[in-house]
C-alpha atoms as a PDB file:
ATOM      1  CA  MET A   1      -6.997   1.682   2.835  1.00  0.00           C
ATOM      2  CA  GLU A   2      -3.576   0.036   2.810  1.00  0.00           C
ATOM      3  CA  GLN A   3      -0.973   1.124   5.341  1.00  0.00           C
ATOM      4  CA  ILE A   4       0.101   4.764   5.269  1.00  0.00           C
ATOM      5  CA  MET A   5       3.753   5.637   5.841  1.00  0.00           C
ATOM      6  CA  TYR A   6       4.534   8.796   7.809  1.00  0.00           C
ATOM      7  CA  ARG A   7       8.004  10.186   7.235  1.00  0.00           C
ATOM      8  CA  GLU A   8      10.170  13.282   7.079  1.00  0.00           C
ATOM      9  CA  LEU A   9      10.093  15.727   4.181  1.00  0.00           C
ATOM     10  CA  GLN A  10      12.368  15.204   1.178  1.00  0.00           C
ATOM     11  CA  LYS A  11      13.110  17.669  -1.593  1.00  0.00           C
ATOM     12  CA  LYS A  12      11.652  15.270  -4.155  1.00  0.00           C
ATOM     13  CA  ASP A  13       8.278  15.769  -2.416  1.00  0.00           C
ATOM     14  CA  TYR A  14       8.057  19.457  -3.356  1.00  0.00           C
ATOM     15  CA  PRO A  15       6.055  19.076  -6.617  1.00  0.00           C
ATOM     16  CA  ALA A  16       3.537  16.752  -4.944  1.00  0.00           C
ATOM     17  CA  ILE A  17       3.148  19.117  -2.002  1.00  0.00           C
ATOM     18  CA  GLU A  18       2.620  22.064  -4.347  1.00  0.00           C
ATOM     19  CA  HIS A  19      -0.139  20.081  -6.074  1.00  0.00           C
ATOM     20  CA  LEU A  20      -1.752  19.371  -2.683  1.00  0.00           C
ATOM     21  CA  ILE A  21      -1.542  23.058  -1.781  1.00  0.00           C
ATOM     22  CA  ALA A  22      -3.145  24.191  -5.031  1.00  0.00           C
ATOM     23  CA  SER A  23      -5.962  21.645  -4.966  1.00  0.00           C
ATOM     24  CA  SER A  24      -6.699  21.872  -1.232  1.00  0.00           C
ATOM     25  CA  PHE A  25      -6.715  25.657  -1.017  1.00  0.00           C
ATOM     26  CA  GLY A  26      -8.195  26.469  -4.415  1.00  0.00           C
ATOM     27  CA  LEU A  27      -5.327  28.687  -5.518  1.00  0.00           C
ATOM     28  CA  SER A  28      -6.729  28.872  -9.051  1.00  0.00           C
ATOM     29  CA  ARG A  29      -9.432  31.152  -7.612  1.00  0.00           C
ATOM     30  CA  TYR A  30      -6.755  33.817  -7.307  1.00  0.00           C
ATOM     31  CA  LEU A  31      -4.647  33.091 -10.380  1.00  0.00           C
ATOM     32  CA  PRO A  32      -6.309  31.178 -13.242  1.00  0.00           C
ATOM     33  CA  ASP A  33      -3.221  31.509 -15.474  1.00  0.00           C
ATOM     34  CA  GLU A  34      -1.104  28.341 -15.388  1.00  0.00           C
ATOM     35  CA  GLN A  35       2.343  29.979 -15.340  1.00  0.00           C
ATOM     36  CA  THR A  36       1.427  32.602 -12.769  1.00  0.00           C
ATOM     37  CA  LEU A  37      -0.212  29.906 -10.643  1.00  0.00           C
ATOM     38  CA  ALA A  38       3.005  27.883 -10.788  1.00  0.00           C
ATOM     39  CA  TYR A  39       4.916  30.830  -9.329  1.00  0.00           C
ATOM     40  CA  MET A  40       2.296  31.153  -6.598  1.00  0.00           C
ATOM     41  CA  LYS A  41       2.612  27.468  -5.687  1.00  0.00           C
ATOM     42  CA  HIS A  42       6.410  27.759  -5.502  1.00  0.00           C
ATOM     43  CA  ALA A  43       6.125  30.881  -3.333  1.00  0.00           C
ATOM     44  CA  TYR A  44       3.521  29.312  -1.038  1.00  0.00           C
ATOM     45  CA  LEU A  45       5.585  26.190  -0.366  1.00  0.00           C
ATOM     46  CA  GLN A  46       8.835  28.083   0.101  1.00  0.00           C
ATOM     47  CA  GLY A  47       7.098  30.460   2.507  1.00  0.00           C
ATOM     48  CA  CYS A  48       5.967  27.486   4.585  1.00  0.00           C
ATOM     49  CA  LEU A  49       9.466  26.000   4.493  1.00  0.00           C
ATOM     50  CA  ALA A  50      10.882  29.321   5.662  1.00  0.00           C
ATOM     51  CA  GLU A  51       8.678  29.146   8.750  1.00  0.00           C
ATOM     52  CA  GLN A  52       8.524  25.465   9.744  1.00  0.00           C
ATOM     53  CA  THR A  53      10.547  23.608  12.350  1.00  0.00           C
ATOM     54  CA  PHE A  54       8.637  20.341  11.921  1.00  0.00           C
ATOM     55  CA  CYS A  55       7.128  18.515   8.957  1.00  0.00           C
ATOM     56  CA  ARG A  56       5.554  15.124   8.354  1.00  0.00           C
ATOM     57  CA  ILE A  57       4.541  13.578   5.049  1.00  0.00           C
ATOM     58  CA  ALA A  58       1.874  10.905   4.587  1.00  0.00           C
ATOM     59  CA  GLU A  59       2.681   8.505   1.746  1.00  0.00           C
ATOM     60  CA  HIS A  60       0.467   5.827   0.206  1.00  0.00           C
ATOM     61  CA  ASN A  61       1.809   3.469  -2.470  1.00  0.00           C
ATOM     62  CA  GLY A  62       4.664   5.850  -3.208  1.00  0.00           C
ATOM     63  CA  LYS A  63       2.377   8.887  -3.543  1.00  0.00           C
ATOM     64  CA  VAL A  64       2.364  11.878  -1.191  1.00  0.00           C
ATOM     65  CA  VAL A  65      -1.214  12.125   0.100  1.00  0.00           C
ATOM     66  CA  GLY A  66      -0.807  14.451   3.066  1.00  0.00           C
ATOM     67  CA  VAL A  67       1.469  17.015   4.642  1.00  0.00           C
ATOM     68  CA  ILE A  68       1.641  18.993   7.864  1.00  0.00           C
ATOM     69  CA  MET A  69       4.100  21.732   8.797  1.00  0.00           C
ATOM     70  CA  GLY A  70       4.371  23.835  11.894  1.00  0.00           C
ATOM     71  CA  LYS A  71       6.689  25.925  13.988  1.00  0.00           C
ATOM     72  CA  ALA A  72       7.743  25.892  17.610  1.00  0.00           C
ATOM     73  CA  ASP A  73       9.097  29.373  18.265  1.00  0.00           C
ATOM     74  CA  ASN A  74      11.719  28.128  20.700  1.00  0.00           C
ATOM     75  CA  HIS A  75      13.163  25.790  18.029  1.00  0.00           C
ATOM     76  CA  TYR A  76      13.255  28.328  15.219  1.00  0.00           C
ATOM     77  CA  LYS A  77      16.675  29.475  13.996  1.00  0.00           C
ATOM     78  CA  LEU A  78      16.527  32.192  11.345  1.00  0.00           C
ATOM     79  CA  HIS A  79      19.852  31.354   9.704  1.00  0.00           C
ATOM     80  CA  GLN A  80      18.541  27.874   8.841  1.00  0.00           C
ATOM     81  CA  HIS A  81      15.632  29.373   6.909  1.00  0.00           C
ATOM     82  CA  ILE A  82      17.279  32.151   4.890  1.00  0.00           C
ATOM     83  CA  ALA A  83      17.314  30.160   1.635  1.00  0.00           C
ATOM     84  CA  PRO A  84      13.575  29.309   1.472  1.00  0.00           C
ATOM     85  CA  PHE A  85      12.704  32.803   2.721  1.00  0.00           C
ATOM     86  CA  CYS A  86      14.621  34.422  -0.151  1.00  0.00           C
ATOM     87  CA  THR A  87      13.238  31.882  -2.631  1.00  0.00           C
ATOM     88  CA  ALA A  88       9.696  32.676  -1.512  1.00  0.00           C
ATOM     89  CA  LEU A  89      10.315  36.386  -2.066  1.00  0.00           C
ATOM     90  CA  TRP A  90      11.763  35.667  -5.519  1.00  0.00           C
ATOM     91  CA  TYR A  91       8.761  33.624  -6.634  1.00  0.00           C
ATOM     92  CA  ASN A  92       6.325  36.161  -5.186  1.00  0.00           C
ATOM     93  CA  LEU A  93       8.027  38.832  -7.275  1.00  0.00           C
ATOM     94  CA  ARG A  94       7.881  36.660 -10.393  1.00  0.00           C
ATOM     95  CA  MET A  95       4.215  35.938  -9.721  1.00  0.00           C
ATOM     96  CA  GLU A  96       3.377  39.623  -9.427  1.00  0.00           C
ATOM     97  CA  LEU A  97       5.324  40.523 -12.572  1.00  0.00           C
ATOM     98  CA  ALA A  98       3.739  37.685 -14.565  1.00  0.00           C
ATOM     99  CA  ALA A  99       0.267  38.649 -13.358  1.00  0.00           C
ATOM    100  CA  LYS A 100       0.859  42.268 -14.297  1.00  0.00           C
ATOM    101  CA  ARG A 101       2.028  41.312 -17.800  1.00  0.00           C
ATOM    102  CA  LYS A 102      -1.092  39.230 -18.353  1.00  0.00           C
ATOM    103  CA  GLY A 103      -3.494  41.726 -16.806  1.00  0.00           C
ATOM    104  CA  ILE A 104      -4.364  39.474 -13.861  1.00  0.00           C
ATOM    105  CA  ASN A 105      -5.525  41.167 -10.677  1.00  0.00           C
ATOM    106  CA  THR A 106      -3.881  39.725  -7.546  1.00  0.00           C
ATOM    107  CA  LYS A 107      -5.843  41.982  -5.191  1.00  0.00           C
ATOM    108  CA  ASP A 108      -7.857  39.098  -3.676  1.00  0.00           C
ATOM    109  CA  TYR A 109      -4.706  37.139  -2.823  1.00  0.00           C
ATOM    110  CA  GLN A 110      -3.045  40.208  -1.327  1.00  0.00           C
ATOM    111  CA  GLN A 111      -6.167  41.032   0.667  1.00  0.00           C
ATOM    112  CA  LEU A 112      -6.264  37.507   2.079  1.00  0.00           C
ATOM    113  CA  HIS A 113      -2.734  37.887   3.420  1.00  0.00           C
ATOM    114  CA  LYS A 114      -3.626  41.281   4.857  1.00  0.00           C
ATOM    115  CA  ILE A 115      -6.433  39.583   6.794  1.00  0.00           C
ATOM    116  CA  TYR A 116      -3.927  37.077   8.180  1.00  0.00           C
ATOM    117  CA  HIS A 117      -1.681  39.948   9.268  1.00  0.00           C
ATOM    118  CA  ASP A 118      -4.596  41.808  10.832  1.00  0.00           C
ATOM    119  CA  PHE A 119      -5.672  38.747  12.837  1.00  0.00           C
ATOM    120  CA  LEU A 120      -2.389  38.661  14.719  1.00  0.00           C
ATOM    121  CA  LYS A 121      -2.113  42.441  14.935  1.00  0.00           C
ATOM    122  CA  GLU A 122      -5.548  42.694  16.548  1.00  0.00           C
ATOM    123  CA  SER A 123      -5.156  39.671  18.843  1.00  0.00           C
ATOM    124  CA  SER A 124      -4.124  40.125  22.449  1.00  0.00           C
ATOM    125  CA  THR A 125      -3.129  36.462  22.727  1.00  0.00           C
ATOM    126  CA  SER A 126       0.509  35.408  22.841  1.00  0.00           C
ATOM    127  CA  TYR A 127       1.346  32.359  20.702  1.00  0.00           C
ATOM    128  CA  ASP A 128       4.509  30.295  20.784  1.00  0.00           C
ATOM    129  CA  GLY A 129       3.687  27.985  17.891  1.00  0.00           C
ATOM    130  CA  THR A 130       2.087  27.925  14.449  1.00  0.00           C
ATOM    131  CA  LEU A 131       0.400  25.310  12.288  1.00  0.00           C
ATOM    132  CA  SER A 132       1.371  26.717   8.918  1.00  0.00           C
ATOM    133  CA  LEU A 133       0.444  24.008   6.388  1.00  0.00           C
ATOM    134  CA  PHE A 134      -1.996  21.112   6.600  1.00  0.00           C
ATOM    135  CA  ALA A 135      -3.415  19.337   3.560  1.00  0.00           C
ATOM    136  CA  VAL A 136      -4.691  15.848   2.689  1.00  0.00           C
ATOM    137  CA  ASP A 137      -5.453  14.587  -0.809  1.00  0.00           C
ATOM    138  CA  ALA A 138      -9.213  14.745  -1.444  1.00  0.00           C
ATOM    139  CA  THR A 139      -9.302  11.088  -2.506  1.00  0.00           C
ATOM    140  CA  CYS A 140      -7.771   9.974   0.797  1.00  0.00           C
ATOM    141  CA  ARG A 141      -9.858  11.919   3.284  1.00  0.00           C
ATOM    142  CA  GLY A 142     -11.921  10.049   5.842  1.00  0.00           C
ATOM    143  CA  PHE A 143      -9.270   7.375   6.494  1.00  0.00           C
ATOM    144  CA  GLY A 144      -7.664   9.023   9.529  1.00  0.00           C
ATOM    145  CA  ILE A 145      -4.663  10.485   7.699  1.00  0.00           C
ATOM    146  CA  GLY A 146      -5.372  14.037   8.849  1.00  0.00           C
ATOM    147  CA  THR A 147      -5.790  12.930  12.454  1.00  0.00           C
ATOM    148  CA  ALA A 148      -2.544  10.946  12.349  1.00  0.00           C
ATOM    149  CA  LEU A 149      -0.621  13.888  10.888  1.00  0.00           C
ATOM    150  CA  LEU A 150      -2.073  16.231  13.494  1.00  0.00           C
ATOM    151  CA  ASN A 151      -1.103  13.794  16.260  1.00  0.00           C
ATOM    152  CA  HIS A 152       2.498  13.790  14.993  1.00  0.00           C
ATOM    153  CA  MET A 153       2.458  17.587  15.055  1.00  0.00           C
ATOM    154  CA  GLN A 154       0.960  17.788  18.529  1.00  0.00           C
ATOM    155  CA  GLU A 155       3.485  15.304  19.928  1.00  0.00           C
ATOM    156  CA  TYR A 156       6.200  17.609  18.610  1.00  0.00           C
ATOM    157  CA  TYR A 157       4.604  20.642  20.259  1.00  0.00           C
ATOM    158  CA  HIS A 158       4.436  18.786  23.580  1.00  0.00           C
ATOM    159  CA  SER A 159       8.097  17.793  23.313  1.00  0.00           C
ATOM    160  CA  CYS A 160       9.027  21.456  22.733  1.00  0.00           C
ATOM    161  CA  GLY A 161       6.925  22.784  25.586  1.00  0.00           C
ATOM    162  CA  VAL A 162       4.678  24.791  23.236  1.00  0.00           C
ATOM    163  CA  LYS A 163       1.670  26.230  25.089  1.00  0.00           C
ATOM    164  CA  LYS A 164      -0.538  27.809  22.419  1.00  0.00           C
ATOM    165  CA  ILE A 165      -0.602  27.668  18.627  1.00  0.00           C
ATOM    166  CA  TYR A 166      -2.632  29.354  15.902  1.00  0.00           C
ATOM    167  CA  LEU A 167      -3.600  28.629  12.316  1.00  0.00           C
ATOM    168  CA  TYR A 168      -5.456  30.313   9.486  1.00  0.00           C
ATOM    169  CA  THR A 169      -8.217  28.622   7.513  1.00  0.00           C
ATOM    170  CA  ASP A 170     -11.375  29.552   5.630  1.00  0.00           C
ATOM    171  CA  SER A 171     -14.882  28.448   4.711  1.00  0.00           C
ATOM    172  CA  THR A 172     -13.708  26.322   1.755  1.00  0.00           C
ATOM    173  CA  CYS A 173     -11.919  23.992   4.177  1.00  0.00           C
ATOM    174  CA  ASN A 174     -13.279  21.398   6.601  1.00  0.00           C
ATOM    175  CA  THR A 175     -13.277  23.614   9.685  1.00  0.00           C
ATOM    176  CA  GLY A 176     -15.259  20.963  11.563  1.00  0.00           C
ATOM    177  CA  PHE A 177     -12.050  18.937  11.717  1.00  0.00           C
ATOM    178  CA  TYR A 178     -10.435  21.608  13.874  1.00  0.00           C
ATOM    179  CA  ASP A 179     -13.550  21.924  16.029  1.00  0.00           C
ATOM    180  CA  ARG A 180     -13.469  18.185  16.724  1.00  0.00           C
ATOM    181  CA  HIS A 181      -9.779  18.259  17.640  1.00  0.00           C
ATOM    182  CA  GLY A 182      -9.955  20.916  20.323  1.00  0.00           C
ATOM    183  CA  PHE A 183      -9.228  24.059  18.313  1.00  0.00           C
ATOM    184  CA  LEU A 184     -11.121  27.245  19.095  1.00  0.00           C
ATOM    185  CA  ARG A 185     -12.195  29.752  16.463  1.00  0.00           C
ATOM    186  CA  THR A 186     -11.242  33.168  17.840  1.00  0.00           C
ATOM    187  CA  ALA A 187     -11.656  35.561  14.900  1.00  0.00           C
ATOM    188  CA  GLN A 188     -13.411  35.843  11.544  1.00  0.00           C
ATOM    189  CA  LYS A 189     -13.231  38.273   8.659  1.00  0.00           C
ATOM    190  CA  ASP A 190     -15.093  38.145   5.345  1.00  0.00           C
ATOM    191  CA  LEU A 191     -13.454  38.626   1.972  1.00  0.00           C
ATOM    192  CA  ILE A 192     -15.563  39.404  -1.086  1.00  0.00           C
ATOM    193  CA  MET A 193     -13.706  38.115  -4.115  1.00  0.00           C
ATOM    194  CA  LYS A 194     -14.517  37.132  -7.672  1.00  0.00           C
ATOM    195  CA  GLN A 195     -14.859  33.580  -8.928  1.00  0.00           C
ATOM    196  CA  ASP A 196     -15.783  33.058 -12.599  1.00  0.00           C
ATOM    197  CA  ASN A 197     -16.483  36.822 -12.709  1.00  0.00           C
ATOM    198  CA  GLN A 198     -19.106  36.454  -9.981  1.00  0.00           C
ATOM    199  CA  PRO A 199     -18.925  37.834  -6.406  1.00  0.00           C
ATOM    200  CA  PHE A 200     -17.953  35.145  -3.907  1.00  0.00           C
ATOM    201  CA  LYS A 201     -17.757  35.532  -0.124  1.00  0.00           C
ATOM    202  CA  LEU A 202     -14.902  33.779   1.628  1.00  0.00           C
ATOM    203  CA  ASN A 203     -15.036  33.544   5.433  1.00  0.00           C
ATOM    204  CA  VAL A 204     -11.502  33.651   6.806  1.00  0.00           C
ATOM    205  CA  TYR A 205     -10.841  32.309  10.311  1.00  0.00           C
ATOM    206  CA  LEU A 206      -8.204  32.378  13.018  1.00  0.00           C
ATOM    207  CA  TYR A 207      -8.101  29.220  15.144  1.00  0.00           C
ATOM    208  CA  GLU A 208      -6.026  28.492  18.212  1.00  0.00           C
ATOM    209  CA  LYS A 209      -5.311  25.563  20.504  1.00  0.00           C
ATOM    210  CA  THR A 210      -3.900  25.476  24.017  1.00  0.00           C
ATOM    211  CA  PHE A 211      -1.691  22.642  25.275  1.00  0.00           C
ATOM    212  CA  ALA A 212      -1.495  21.749  28.946  1.00  0.00           C
END
């Protein structure tokens, strides 16, 4: 593969990142309706922007092919994140209203976020960092883009003095990547959801990594 450029986030990248989010995390499982899904993608990205203190984009031939976002707690300033936080709430509300109008059940999506909340509530571990978004275009996997993005993120954590981070993932993702890069799976919960009107079990995981 030709050279990949790694750079800072720009607002023009938002649509491409939303596409990466939807395709990488299978958001259509939760909301098959196009308009409601669009609201979900907006809300998801804005929620990540409201949390992050660091982001890197991978670009190939002018196309965004990867993204990583994370937070160092000691670099987070709430007043700098008010706008995306409010925007995320706005799009979540629009998503719920649109789903209700069209008779779409968002229970699975809500339950997934409850599992995330429960992971941290039930954990006795103290974290000072978060890996909140990590996605690579399916056509560009296997070329080291994910590893390079993760290295950028980890260099940032080291520079901030971050000691331990966490992330959420599930059985539809390549969890072996995290295993190979020193992450430890510390919790698992199962979510029974519907896909094409058939029961589907999603294994949801909490991973963590400690930095020396």
